[in-house]
Amino acid sequence: MSRCKALLDRATANPAGLRFSELCRLAGCFGWKLKRRRGSHSLYGRVGQVALMNFQDVGGRAKAYQVRQLVRAIGDLEDDL
């Protein structure tokens, strides 16, 4: 199993348990790139998508709702293939 798939499985199973760095790595695995960072907010964009993904670093942890948003967006990408 690839590292990206394993990370996606962890994010799906326990969104509140994901670290911020893991969330950023997961976004990168599926084509999102860091567009800009301001304070604790990091905005990621992907070619072909208008909306940006906003991730917040809160003491090294990712916010659970932002993890769920990314997992949902990845699921939508896989549905389009």
PDB file of N, CA and C in Angstrom:
ATOM      1  N   MET A   1       0.850  -1.174   0.000  1.00  0.00           N
ATOM      2  CA  MET A   1       0.000   0.000   0.000  1.00  0.00           C
ATOM      3  C   MET A   1       0.898   1.240   0.000  1.00  0.00           C
ATOM      4  N   SER A   2       0.540   2.213  -0.799  1.00  0.00           N
ATOM      5  CA  SER A   2       1.357   3.414  -0.892  1.00  0.00           C
ATOM      6  C   SER A   2       1.189   4.280   0.353  1.00  0.00           C
ATOM      7  N   ARG A   3       2.154   5.146   0.560  1.00  0.00           N
ATOM      8  CA  ARG A   3       2.097   6.039   1.718  1.00  0.00           C
ATOM      9  C   ARG A   3       0.893   6.977   1.645  1.00  0.00           C
ATOM     10  N   CYS A   4       0.587   7.455   0.442  1.00  0.00           N
ATOM     11  CA  CYS A   4      -0.545   8.372   0.275  1.00  0.00           C
ATOM     12  C   CYS A   4      -1.858   7.678   0.593  1.00  0.00           C
ATOM     13  N   LYS A   5      -2.001   6.440   0.138  1.00  0.00           N
ATOM     14  CA  LYS A   5      -3.220   5.688   0.402  1.00  0.00           C
ATOM     15  C   LYS A   5      -3.354   5.410   1.898  1.00  0.00           C
ATOM     16  N   ALA A   6      -2.263   5.069   2.552  1.00  0.00           N
ATOM     17  CA  ALA A   6      -2.288   4.816   3.992  1.00  0.00           C
ATOM     18  C   ALA A   6      -2.668   6.084   4.760  1.00  0.00           C
ATOM     19  N   LEU A   7      -2.139   7.215   4.330  1.00  0.00           N
ATOM     20  CA  LEU A   7      -2.458   8.488   4.972  1.00  0.00           C
ATOM     21  C   LEU A   7      -3.915   8.862   4.755  1.00  0.00           C
ATOM     22  N   LEU A   8      -4.430   8.607   3.556  1.00  0.00           N
ATOM     23  CA  LEU A   8      -5.838   8.859   3.265  1.00  0.00           C
ATOM     24  C   LEU A   8      -6.735   7.978   4.140  1.00  0.00           C
ATOM     25  N   ASP A   9      -6.353   6.732   4.323  1.00  0.00           N
ATOM     26  CA  ASP A   9      -7.122   5.829   5.182  1.00  0.00           C
ATOM     27  C   ASP A   9      -7.143   6.323   6.629  1.00  0.00           C
ATOM     28  N   ARG A  10      -6.000   6.798   7.114  1.00  0.00           N
ATOM     29  CA  ARG A  10      -5.936   7.344   8.482  1.00  0.00           C
ATOM     30  C   ARG A  10      -6.798   8.588   8.622  1.00  0.00           C
ATOM     31  N   ALA A  11      -6.765   9.452   7.610  1.00  0.00           N
ATOM     32  CA  ALA A  11      -7.553  10.687   7.643  1.00  0.00           C
ATOM     33  C   ALA A  11      -9.045  10.376   7.621  1.00  0.00           C
ATOM     34  N   THR A  12      -9.432   9.368   6.865  1.00  0.00           N
ATOM     35  CA  THR A  12     -10.834   8.982   6.782  1.00  0.00           C
ATOM     36  C   THR A  12     -11.306   8.376   8.099  1.00  0.00           C
ATOM     37  N   ALA A  13     -10.481   7.536   8.694  1.00  0.00           N
ATOM     38  CA  ALA A  13     -10.858   6.842   9.919  1.00  0.00           C
ATOM     39  C   ALA A  13     -10.892   7.767  11.134  1.00  0.00           C
ATOM     40  N   ASN A  14      -9.947   8.716  11.208  1.00  0.00           N
ATOM     41  CA  ASN A  14      -9.852   9.573  12.390  1.00  0.00           C
ATOM     42  C   ASN A  14      -9.404  10.977  11.986  1.00  0.00           C
ATOM     43  N   PRO A  15     -10.323  11.818  11.496  1.00  0.00           N
ATOM     44  CA  PRO A  15      -9.938  13.167  11.049  1.00  0.00           C
ATOM     45  C   PRO A  15      -9.327  14.026  12.155  1.00  0.00           C
ATOM     46  N   ALA A  16      -9.741  13.827  13.384  1.00  0.00           N
ATOM     47  CA  ALA A  16      -9.231  14.645  14.485  1.00  0.00           C
ATOM     48  C   ALA A  16      -7.819  14.245  14.896  1.00  0.00           C
ATOM     49  N   GLY A  17      -7.351  13.088  14.466  1.00  0.00           N
ATOM     50  CA  GLY A  17      -6.043  12.599  14.874  1.00  0.00           C
ATOM     51  C   GLY A  17      -4.918  12.923  13.915  1.00  0.00           C
ATOM     52  N   LEU A  18      -5.199  13.691  12.871  1.00  0.00           N
ATOM     53  CA  LEU A  18      -4.186  13.975  11.856  1.00  0.00           C
ATOM     54  C   LEU A  18      -3.372  15.211  12.233  1.00  0.00           C
ATOM     55  N   ARG A  19      -2.083  15.142  12.026  1.00  0.00           N
ATOM     56  CA  ARG A  19      -1.213  16.289  12.264  1.00  0.00           C
ATOM     57  C   ARG A  19      -1.310  17.230  11.069  1.00  0.00           C
ATOM     58  N   PHE A  20      -0.978  18.486  11.293  1.00  0.00           N
ATOM     59  CA  PHE A  20      -1.036  19.484  10.223  1.00  0.00           C
ATOM     60  C   PHE A  20      -0.092  19.124   9.087  1.00  0.00           C
ATOM     61  N   SER A  21       1.108  18.682   9.420  1.00  0.00           N
ATOM     62  CA  SER A  21       2.078  18.314   8.385  1.00  0.00           C
ATOM     63  C   SER A  21       1.573  17.140   7.550  1.00  0.00           C
ATOM     64  N   GLU A  22       0.855  16.216   8.173  1.00  0.00           N
ATOM     65  CA  GLU A  22       0.292  15.081   7.439  1.00  0.00           C
ATOM     66  C   GLU A  22      -0.826  15.538   6.506  1.00  0.00           C
ATOM     67  N   LEU A  23      -1.623  16.510   6.954  1.00  0.00           N
ATOM     68  CA  LEU A  23      -2.678  17.063   6.108  1.00  0.00           C
ATOM     69  C   LEU A  23      -2.077  17.721   4.871  1.00  0.00           C
ATOM     70  N   CYS A  24      -1.018  18.480   5.058  1.00  0.00           N
ATOM     71  CA  CYS A  24      -0.348  19.136   3.928  1.00  0.00           C
ATOM     72  C   CYS A  24       0.258  18.102   2.980  1.00  0.00           C
ATOM     73  N   ARG A  25       0.846  17.047   3.524  1.00  0.00           N
ATOM     74  CA  ARG A  25       1.420  15.986   2.701  1.00  0.00           C
ATOM     75  C   ARG A  25       0.327  15.271   1.905  1.00  0.00           C
ATOM     76  N   LEU A  26      -0.814  15.018   2.545  1.00  0.00           N
ATOM     77  CA  LEU A  26      -1.930  14.369   1.870  1.00  0.00           C
ATOM     78  C   LEU A  26      -2.446  15.228   0.723  1.00  0.00           C
ATOM     79  N   ALA A  27      -2.559  16.525   0.946  1.00  0.00           N
ATOM     80  CA  ALA A  27      -2.993  17.436  -0.121  1.00  0.00           C
ATOM     81  C   ALA A  27      -2.009  17.387  -1.291  1.00  0.00           C
ATOM     82  N   GLY A  28      -0.725  17.379  -0.994  1.00  0.00           N
ATOM     83  CA  GLY A  28       0.290  17.310  -2.034  1.00  0.00           C
ATOM     84  C   GLY A  28       0.241  16.014  -2.826  1.00  0.00           C
ATOM     85  N   CYS A  29      -0.098  14.927  -2.168  1.00  0.00           N
ATOM     86  CA  CYS A  29      -0.203  13.624  -2.849  1.00  0.00           C
ATOM     87  C   CYS A  29      -1.241  13.654  -3.962  1.00  0.00           C
ATOM     88  N   PHE A  30      -2.289  14.454  -3.776  1.00  0.00           N
ATOM     89  CA  PHE A  30      -3.388  14.467  -4.734  1.00  0.00           C
ATOM     90  C   PHE A  30      -3.434  15.740  -5.579  1.00  0.00           C
ATOM     91  N   GLY A  31      -2.306  16.456  -5.662  1.00  0.00           N
ATOM     92  CA  GLY A  31      -2.172  17.534  -6.623  1.00  0.00           C
ATOM     93  C   GLY A  31      -2.388  18.948  -6.111  1.00  0.00           C
ATOM     94  N   TRP A  32      -2.677  19.129  -4.833  1.00  0.00           N
ATOM     95  CA  TRP A  32      -2.835  20.486  -4.316  1.00  0.00           C
ATOM     96  C   TRP A  32      -1.455  21.059  -4.023  1.00  0.00           C
ATOM     97  N   LYS A  33      -1.286  22.327  -4.329  1.00  0.00           N
ATOM     98  CA  LYS A  33      -0.019  23.025  -4.099  1.00  0.00           C
ATOM     99  C   LYS A  33      -0.266  24.223  -3.183  1.00  0.00           C
ATOM    100  N   LEU A  34       0.720  24.524  -2.348  1.00  0.00           N
ATOM    101  CA  LEU A  34       0.633  25.672  -1.458  1.00  0.00           C
ATOM    102  C   LEU A  34       0.646  26.942  -2.290  1.00  0.00           C
ATOM    103  N   LYS A  35      -0.383  27.763  -2.144  1.00  0.00           N
ATOM    104  CA  LYS A  35      -0.479  29.030  -2.879  1.00  0.00           C
ATOM    105  C   LYS A  35       0.028  30.191  -2.032  1.00  0.00           C
ATOM    106  N   ARG A  36      -0.386  30.207  -0.780  1.00  0.00           N
ATOM    107  CA  ARG A  36       0.104  31.262   0.120  1.00  0.00           C
ATOM    108  C   ARG A  36      -0.141  30.864   1.567  1.00  0.00           C
ATOM    109  N   ARG A  37       0.631  31.499   2.434  1.00  0.00           N
ATOM    110  CA  ARG A  37       0.528  31.238   3.866  1.00  0.00           C
ATOM    111  C   ARG A  37       0.508  32.576   4.593  1.00  0.00           C
ATOM    112  N   ARG A  38      -0.405  32.686   5.537  1.00  0.00           N
ATOM    113  CA  ARG A  38      -0.485  33.902   6.341  1.00  0.00           C
ATOM    114  C   ARG A  38      -0.845  33.497   7.760  1.00  0.00           C
ATOM    115  N   GLY A  39       0.103  33.639   8.658  1.00  0.00           N
ATOM    116  CA  GLY A  39      -0.124  33.209  10.034  1.00  0.00           C
ATOM    117  C   GLY A  39      -0.300  31.706  10.104  1.00  0.00           C
ATOM    118  N   SER A  40      -1.390  31.275  10.717  1.00  0.00           N
ATOM    119  CA  SER A  40      -1.639  29.838  10.842  1.00  0.00           C
ATOM    120  C   SER A  40      -2.427  29.282   9.657  1.00  0.00           C
ATOM    121  N   HIS A  41      -2.819  30.135   8.719  1.00  0.00           N
ATOM    122  CA  HIS A  41      -3.626  29.714   7.577  1.00  0.00           C
ATOM    123  C   HIS A  41      -2.739  29.416   6.371  1.00  0.00           C
ATOM    124  N   SER A  42      -2.977  28.270   5.761  1.00  0.00           N
ATOM    125  CA  SER A  42      -2.288  27.882   4.534  1.00  0.00           C
ATOM    126  C   SER A  42      -3.340  27.608   3.474  1.00  0.00           C
ATOM    127  N   LEU A  43      -3.214  28.246   2.337  1.00  0.00           N
ATOM    128  CA  LEU A  43      -4.173  28.064   1.247  1.00  0.00           C
ATOM    129  C   LEU A  43      -3.555  27.206   0.157  1.00  0.00           C
ATOM    130  N   TYR A  44      -4.269  26.163  -0.210  1.00  0.00           N
ATOM    131  CA  TYR A  44      -3.815  25.226  -1.230  1.00  0.00           C
ATOM    132  C   TYR A  44      -4.757  25.292  -2.419  1.00  0.00           C
ATOM    133  N   GLY A  45      -4.183  25.246  -3.613  1.00  0.00           N
ATOM    134  CA  GLY A  45      -4.968  25.252  -4.841  1.00  0.00           C
ATOM    135  C   GLY A  45      -4.589  24.070  -5.706  1.00  0.00           C
ATOM    136  N   ARG A  46      -5.472  23.749  -6.618  1.00  0.00           N
ATOM    137  CA  ARG A  46      -5.249  22.625  -7.526  1.00  0.00           C
ATOM    138  C   ARG A  46      -5.672  23.043  -8.921  1.00  0.00           C
ATOM    139  N   VAL A  47      -4.902  22.638  -9.917  1.00  0.00           N
ATOM    140  CA  VAL A  47      -5.223  22.943 -11.304  1.00  0.00           C
ATOM    141  C   VAL A  47      -6.578  22.326 -11.634  1.00  0.00           C
ATOM    142  N   GLY A  48      -7.445  23.118 -12.234  1.00  0.00           N
ATOM    143  CA  GLY A  48      -8.766  22.634 -12.613  1.00  0.00           C
ATOM    144  C   GLY A  48      -9.838  22.888 -11.573  1.00  0.00           C
ATOM    145  N   GLN A  49      -9.458  23.426 -10.415  1.00  0.00           N
ATOM    146  CA  GLN A  49     -10.431  23.743  -9.382  1.00  0.00           C
ATOM    147  C   GLN A  49     -10.315  25.213  -9.017  1.00  0.00           C
ATOM    148  N   VAL A  50     -11.463  25.862  -8.932  1.00  0.00           N
ATOM    149  CA  VAL A  50     -11.487  27.281  -8.634  1.00  0.00           C
ATOM    150  C   VAL A  50     -11.285  27.536  -7.142  1.00  0.00           C
ATOM    151  N   ALA A  51     -11.933  26.748  -6.318  1.00  0.00           N
ATOM    152  CA  ALA A  51     -11.912  26.965  -4.869  1.00  0.00           C
ATOM    153  C   ALA A  51     -10.564  26.562  -4.279  1.00  0.00           C
ATOM    154  N   LEU A  52     -10.119  27.329  -3.294  1.00  0.00           N
ATOM    155  CA  LEU A  52      -8.904  27.021  -2.552  1.00  0.00           C
ATOM    156  C   LEU A  52      -9.271  26.251  -1.291  1.00  0.00           C
ATOM    157  N   MET A  53      -8.358  25.410  -0.835  1.00  0.00           N
ATOM    158  CA  MET A  53      -8.527  24.690   0.424  1.00  0.00           C
ATOM    159  C   MET A  53      -7.772  25.474   1.492  1.00  0.00           C
ATOM    160  N   ASN A  54      -8.438  25.770   2.600  1.00  0.00           N
ATOM    161  CA  ASN A  54      -7.844  26.512   3.700  1.00  0.00           C
ATOM    162  C   ASN A  54      -7.545  25.543   4.839  1.00  0.00           C
ATOM    163  N   PHE A  55      -6.277  25.446   5.221  1.00  0.00           N
ATOM    164  CA  PHE A  55      -5.873  24.591   6.333  1.00  0.00           C
ATOM    165  C   PHE A  55      -5.286  25.466   7.430  1.00  0.00           C
ATOM    166  N   GLN A  56      -5.573  25.107   8.682  1.00  0.00           N
ATOM    167  CA  GLN A  56      -5.056  25.858   9.819  1.00  0.00           C
ATOM    168  C   GLN A  56      -4.204  24.952  10.696  1.00  0.00           C
ATOM    169  N   ASP A  57      -3.077  25.480  11.112  1.00  0.00           N
ATOM    170  CA  ASP A  57      -2.181  24.791  12.033  1.00  0.00           C
ATOM    171  C   ASP A  57      -2.528  25.258  13.439  1.00  0.00           C
ATOM    172  N   VAL A  58      -3.040  24.354  14.244  1.00  0.00           N
ATOM    173  CA  VAL A  58      -3.406  24.675  15.631  1.00  0.00           C
ATOM    174  C   VAL A  58      -2.563  23.787  16.537  1.00  0.00           C
ATOM    175  N   GLY A  59      -1.429  24.294  16.942  1.00  0.00           N
ATOM    176  CA  GLY A  59      -0.549  23.526  17.811  1.00  0.00           C
ATOM    177  C   GLY A  59      -0.034  22.254  17.168  1.00  0.00           C
ATOM    178  N   GLY A  60       0.192  22.283  15.863  1.00  0.00           N
ATOM    179  CA  GLY A  60       0.708  21.121  15.160  1.00  0.00           C
ATOM    180  C   GLY A  60      -0.364  20.143  14.699  1.00  0.00           C
ATOM    181  N   ARG A  61      -1.614  20.399  15.049  1.00  0.00           N
ATOM    182  CA  ARG A  61      -2.726  19.530  14.669  1.00  0.00           C
ATOM    183  C   ARG A  61      -3.560  20.187  13.584  1.00  0.00           C
ATOM    184  N   ALA A  62      -4.210  19.363  12.784  1.00  0.00           N
ATOM    185  CA  ALA A  62      -5.127  19.854  11.754  1.00  0.00           C
ATOM    186  C   ALA A  62      -6.534  19.874  12.334  1.00  0.00           C
ATOM    187  N   LYS A  63      -7.342  20.805  11.876  1.00  0.00           N
ATOM    188  CA  LYS A  63      -8.738  20.844  12.302  1.00  0.00           C
ATOM    189  C   LYS A  63      -9.503  19.727  11.600  1.00  0.00           C
ATOM    190  N   ALA A  64     -10.320  19.021  12.362  1.00  0.00           N
ATOM    191  CA  ALA A  64     -11.004  17.831  11.846  1.00  0.00           C
ATOM    192  C   ALA A  64     -11.902  18.157  10.656  1.00  0.00           C
ATOM    193  N   TYR A  65     -12.607  19.291  10.697  1.00  0.00           N
ATOM    194  CA  TYR A  65     -13.511  19.608   9.594  1.00  0.00           C
ATOM    195  C   TYR A  65     -12.738  19.895   8.309  1.00  0.00           C
ATOM    196  N   GLN A  66     -11.526  20.418   8.427  1.00  0.00           N
ATOM    197  CA  GLN A  66     -10.712  20.670   7.240  1.00  0.00           C
ATOM    198  C   GLN A  66     -10.171  19.367   6.660  1.00  0.00           C
ATOM    199  N   VAL A  67      -9.871  18.410   7.521  1.00  0.00           N
ATOM    200  CA  VAL A  67      -9.452  17.090   7.057  1.00  0.00           C
ATOM    201  C   VAL A  67     -10.607  16.435   6.302  1.00  0.00           C
ATOM    202  N   ARG A  68     -11.816  16.526   6.860  1.00  0.00           N
ATOM    203  CA  ARG A  68     -12.988  15.942   6.195  1.00  0.00           C
ATOM    204  C   ARG A  68     -13.254  16.607   4.847  1.00  0.00           C
ATOM    205  N   GLN A  69     -13.051  17.931   4.757  1.00  0.00           N
ATOM    206  CA  GLN A  69     -13.231  18.628   3.479  1.00  0.00           C
ATOM    207  C   GLN A  69     -12.251  18.103   2.434  1.00  0.00           C
ATOM    208  N   LEU A  70     -10.995  17.893   2.828  1.00  0.00           N
ATOM    209  CA  LEU A  70     -10.004  17.395   1.887  1.00  0.00           C
ATOM    210  C   LEU A  70     -10.339  15.964   1.470  1.00  0.00           C
ATOM    211  N   VAL A  71     -10.723  15.131   2.412  1.00  0.00           N
ATOM    212  CA  VAL A  71     -11.079  13.744   2.091  1.00  0.00           C
ATOM    213  C   VAL A  71     -12.260  13.716   1.118  1.00  0.00           C
ATOM    214  N   ARG A  72     -13.243  14.590   1.335  1.00  0.00           N
ATOM    215  CA  ARG A  72     -14.399  14.680   0.432  1.00  0.00           C
ATOM    216  C   ARG A  72     -13.954  15.129  -0.963  1.00  0.00           C
ATOM    217  N   ALA A  73     -13.059  16.108  -1.030  1.00  0.00           N
ATOM    218  CA  ALA A  73     -12.570  16.607  -2.322  1.00  0.00           C
ATOM    219  C   ALA A  73     -11.773  15.522  -3.053  1.00  0.00           C
ATOM    220  N   ILE A  74     -11.000  14.737  -2.322  1.00  0.00           N
ATOM    221  CA  ILE A  74     -10.252  13.633  -2.935  1.00  0.00           C
ATOM    222  C   ILE A  74     -11.221  12.590  -3.465  1.00  0.00           C
ATOM    223  N   GLY A  75     -12.270  12.307  -2.715  1.00  0.00           N
ATOM    224  CA  GLY A  75     -13.293  11.374  -3.180  1.00  0.00           C
ATOM    225  C   GLY A  75     -13.965  11.859  -4.455  1.00  0.00           C
ATOM    226  N   ASP A  76     -14.222  13.163  -4.547  1.00  0.00           N
ATOM    227  CA  ASP A  76     -14.808  13.728  -5.764  1.00  0.00           C
ATOM    228  C   ASP A  76     -13.865  13.592  -6.955  1.00  0.00           C
ATOM    229  N   LEU A  77     -12.558  13.735  -6.715  1.00  0.00           N
ATOM    230  CA  LEU A  77     -11.564  13.567  -7.780  1.00  0.00           C
ATOM    231  C   LEU A  77     -11.583  12.140  -8.299  1.00  0.00           C
ATOM    232  N   GLU A  78     -11.642  11.190  -7.389  1.00  0.00           N
ATOM    233  CA  GLU A  78     -11.628   9.781  -7.781  1.00  0.00           C
ATOM    234  C   GLU A  78     -12.906   9.405  -8.510  1.00  0.00           C
ATOM    235  N   ASP A  79     -14.023  10.040  -8.170  1.00  0.00           N
ATOM    236  CA  ASP A  79     -15.290   9.788  -8.862  1.00  0.00           C
ATOM    237  C   ASP A  79     -15.246  10.293 -10.302  1.00  0.00           C
ATOM    238  N   ASP A  80     -14.499  11.379 -10.517  1.00  0.00           N
ATOM    239  CA  ASP A  80     -14.409  11.975 -11.860  1.00  0.00           C
ATOM    240  C   ASP A  80     -13.540  11.155 -12.813  1.00  0.00           C
ATOM    241  N   LEU A  81     -12.701  10.280 -12.249  1.00  0.00           N
ATOM    242  CA  LEU A  81     -11.798   9.480 -13.107  1.00  0.00           C
ATOM    243  C   LEU A  81     -12.531   8.367 -13.750  1.00  0.00           C
TER     244      LEU A  81
END
